[in-house]
Amino acid sequence: IVQAVPEWIKLTPTDFARGVRLARSVRKGMLFGVVDDEGDVTYYSLMREKP
């Protein structure tokens, strides 16, 4: 699952956790695509770690 986010948006840890939980529930990975002012995208992959 990919969520595109403009770089000026401030995401909270809850926003990240929500996306990761959604991806995990459908057995997919979660990518956040941060889009800058020039339209370039940088991708970040997040995974849930259990202690």
C-alpha atoms as a PDB file:
ATOM      1  CA  ILE A   1       0.000   0.000   0.000  1.00  0.00           C
ATOM      2  CA  VAL A   2       1.373   3.433  -0.898  1.00  0.00           C
ATOM      3  CA  GLN A   3       0.261   6.656   0.761  1.00  0.00           C
ATOM      4  CA  ALA A   4       1.430   9.836  -0.961  1.00  0.00           C
ATOM      5  CA  VAL A   5       2.023  12.759   1.388  1.00  0.00           C
ATOM      6  CA  PRO A   6       3.155  16.312   0.560  1.00  0.00           C
ATOM      7  CA  GLU A   7       6.390  17.124   2.389  1.00  0.00           C
ATOM      8  CA  TRP A   8       4.814  20.065   4.227  1.00  0.00           C
ATOM      9  CA  ILE A   9       2.236  17.831   5.983  1.00  0.00           C
ATOM     10  CA  LYS A  10       3.168  16.860   9.539  1.00  0.00           C
ATOM     11  CA  LEU A  11       2.262  13.270  10.322  1.00  0.00           C
ATOM     12  CA  THR A  12       1.950  11.982  13.858  1.00  0.00           C
ATOM     13  CA  PRO A  13       3.152   8.579  15.052  1.00  0.00           C
ATOM     14  CA  THR A  14      -0.522   7.605  15.140  1.00  0.00           C
ATOM     15  CA  ASP A  15      -0.805   8.323  11.402  1.00  0.00           C
ATOM     16  CA  PHE A  16       2.122   6.010  10.693  1.00  0.00           C
ATOM     17  CA  ALA A  17       0.794   3.290  13.001  1.00  0.00           C
ATOM     18  CA  ARG A  18      -2.633   3.431  11.367  1.00  0.00           C
ATOM     19  CA  GLY A  19      -1.136   2.925   7.906  1.00  0.00           C
ATOM     20  CA  VAL A  20       1.102   0.073   9.017  1.00  0.00           C
ATOM     21  CA  ARG A  21      -1.790  -1.678  10.785  1.00  0.00           C
ATOM     22  CA  LEU A  22      -3.966  -1.371   7.690  1.00  0.00           C
ATOM     23  CA  ALA A  23      -1.250  -2.820   5.458  1.00  0.00           C
ATOM     24  CA  ARG A  24      -0.598  -5.662   7.868  1.00  0.00           C
ATOM     25  CA  SER A  25      -4.292  -6.528   8.084  1.00  0.00           C
ATOM     26  CA  VAL A  26      -4.366  -7.191   4.327  1.00  0.00           C
ATOM     27  CA  ARG A  27      -0.897  -8.826   4.321  1.00  0.00           C
ATOM     28  CA  LYS A  28       0.778  -6.043   2.368  1.00  0.00           C
ATOM     29  CA  GLY A  29       3.691  -3.696   2.961  1.00  0.00           C
ATOM     30  CA  MET A  30       3.329   0.013   3.710  1.00  0.00           C
ATOM     31  CA  LEU A  31       5.146   2.717   1.769  1.00  0.00           C
ATOM     32  CA  PHE A  32       4.867   6.408   2.443  1.00  0.00           C
ATOM     33  CA  GLY A  33       5.707   8.512  -0.607  1.00  0.00           C
ATOM     34  CA  VAL A  34       6.792  12.022   0.360  1.00  0.00           C
ATOM     35  CA  VAL A  35       6.296  14.431  -2.543  1.00  0.00           C
ATOM     36  CA  ASP A  36       8.396  17.602  -2.606  1.00  0.00           C
ATOM     37  CA  ASP A  37       7.653  20.934  -4.312  1.00  0.00           C
ATOM     38  CA  GLU A  38       9.327  19.788  -7.536  1.00  0.00           C
ATOM     39  CA  GLY A  39       7.178  16.658  -7.727  1.00  0.00           C
ATOM     40  CA  ASP A  40       9.975  14.271  -6.763  1.00  0.00           C
ATOM     41  CA  VAL A  41       8.923  11.370  -4.561  1.00  0.00           C
ATOM     42  CA  THR A  42      10.977   9.774  -1.789  1.00  0.00           C
ATOM     43  CA  TYR A  43       9.632   6.467  -0.500  1.00  0.00           C
ATOM     44  CA  TYR A  44       9.840   5.265   3.090  1.00  0.00           C
ATOM     45  CA  SER A  45       8.938   1.735   4.097  1.00  0.00           C
ATOM     46  CA  LEU A  46       7.674   1.037   7.599  1.00  0.00           C
ATOM     47  CA  MET A  47       7.163  -2.287   9.320  1.00  0.00           C
ATOM     48  CA  ARG A  48       5.697  -3.278  12.637  1.00  0.00           C
ATOM     49  CA  GLU A  49       8.114  -4.856  15.107  1.00  0.00           C
ATOM     50  CA  LYS A  50       6.882  -6.951  17.992  1.00  0.00           C
ATOM     51  CA  PRO A  51       8.958  -6.984  21.177  1.00  0.00           C
END
